[in-house]
Amino acid sequence: DRKLYLQIVSLTERGLQLAKEEIARLIKEEMMKMQNPALQLVNHGRYKV
C-alpha cells in the first residue's frame, strides 16, 4: 500500500495542531462508519450544510 502524504500549512503552531486533530478525528469517524454498517445510514450526502 502506498502512503498518503498531506501538507498542512498554518500561520501558527496552534492552527497546525488543530488541523492535525481535526484530520485524525475525521479519519477515526470514517473508520468507525466502515466497521459498523448501521452508522453508514446516518449520513447519506456527500456534503454537510
C-alpha atoms as a PDB file:
ATOM      1  CA  ASP A   1       0.000   0.000   0.000  1.00  0.00           C
ATOM      2  CA  ARG A   2       1.166   3.481  -0.841  1.00  0.00           C
ATOM      3  CA  LYS A   3       1.224   6.118   1.876  1.00  0.00           C
ATOM      4  CA  LEU A   4      -0.768   9.299   1.596  1.00  0.00           C
ATOM      5  CA  TYR A   5       1.139  12.446   2.477  1.00  0.00           C
ATOM      6  CA  LEU A   6      -0.657  15.647   3.412  1.00  0.00           C
ATOM      7  CA  GLN A   7       0.906  19.065   3.633  1.00  0.00           C
ATOM      8  CA  ILE A   8      -0.724  21.156   6.343  1.00  0.00           C
ATOM      9  CA  VAL A   9       0.139  24.850   6.299  1.00  0.00           C
ATOM     10  CA  SER A  10      -0.721  27.248   9.100  1.00  0.00           C
ATOM     11  CA  LEU A  11       0.416  30.629  10.317  1.00  0.00           C
ATOM     12  CA  THR A  12       0.590  29.406  13.915  1.00  0.00           C
ATOM     13  CA  GLU A  13       1.625  26.252  15.707  1.00  0.00           C
ATOM     14  CA  ARG A  14      -1.820  26.143  17.360  1.00  0.00           C
ATOM     15  CA  GLY A  15      -3.553  26.239  13.976  1.00  0.00           C
ATOM     16  CA  LEU A  16      -1.374  23.368  12.809  1.00  0.00           C
ATOM     17  CA  GLN A  17      -2.214  21.316  15.896  1.00  0.00           C
ATOM     18  CA  LEU A  18      -5.956  21.958  15.481  1.00  0.00           C
ATOM     19  CA  ALA A  19      -5.804  20.896  11.827  1.00  0.00           C
ATOM     20  CA  LYS A  20      -3.981  17.672  12.713  1.00  0.00           C
ATOM     21  CA  GLU A  21      -6.522  16.877  15.433  1.00  0.00           C
ATOM     22  CA  GLU A  22      -9.440  17.513  13.072  1.00  0.00           C
ATOM     23  CA  ILE A  23      -7.952  15.269  10.378  1.00  0.00           C
ATOM     24  CA  ALA A  24      -7.372  12.495  12.923  1.00  0.00           C
ATOM     25  CA  ARG A  25     -10.952  12.876  14.193  1.00  0.00           C
ATOM     26  CA  LEU A  26     -12.388  12.656  10.687  1.00  0.00           C
ATOM     27  CA  ILE A  27     -10.330   9.575   9.850  1.00  0.00           C
ATOM     28  CA  LYS A  28     -11.420   7.825  13.058  1.00  0.00           C
ATOM     29  CA  GLU A  29     -15.051   8.735  12.391  1.00  0.00           C
ATOM     30  CA  GLU A  30     -14.918   7.320   8.856  1.00  0.00           C
ATOM     31  CA  MET A  31     -13.171   4.155  10.056  1.00  0.00           C
ATOM     32  CA  MET A  32     -15.949   3.609  12.596  1.00  0.00           C
ATOM     33  CA  LYS A  33     -18.552   4.046   9.846  1.00  0.00           C
ATOM     34  CA  MET A  34     -16.787   1.450   7.712  1.00  0.00           C
ATOM     35  CA  GLN A  35     -16.725  -1.040  10.585  1.00  0.00           C
ATOM     36  CA  ASN A  36     -20.367  -0.528  11.586  1.00  0.00           C
ATOM     37  CA  PRO A  37     -22.820  -0.676   8.647  1.00  0.00           C
ATOM     38  CA  ALA A  38     -25.629   0.805  10.785  1.00  0.00           C
ATOM     39  CA  LEU A  39     -23.665   4.080  11.071  1.00  0.00           C
ATOM     40  CA  GLN A  40     -23.403   4.354   7.273  1.00  0.00           C
ATOM     41  CA  LEU A  41     -27.133   5.027   7.069  1.00  0.00           C
ATOM     42  CA  VAL A  42     -26.810   8.146   9.226  1.00  0.00           C
ATOM     43  CA  ASN A  43     -25.168  10.418   6.636  1.00  0.00           C
ATOM     44  CA  HIS A  44     -26.198   9.786   3.028  1.00  0.00           C
ATOM     45  CA  GLY A  45     -24.961  13.010   1.444  1.00  0.00           C
ATOM     46  CA  ARG A  46     -21.520  13.976   0.351  1.00  0.00           C
ATOM     47  CA  TYR A  47     -21.625  17.451   1.850  1.00  0.00           C
ATOM     48  CA  LYS A  48     -22.548  18.790   5.261  1.00  0.00           C
ATOM     49  CA  VAL A  49     -24.536  22.008   5.446  1.00  0.00           C
END
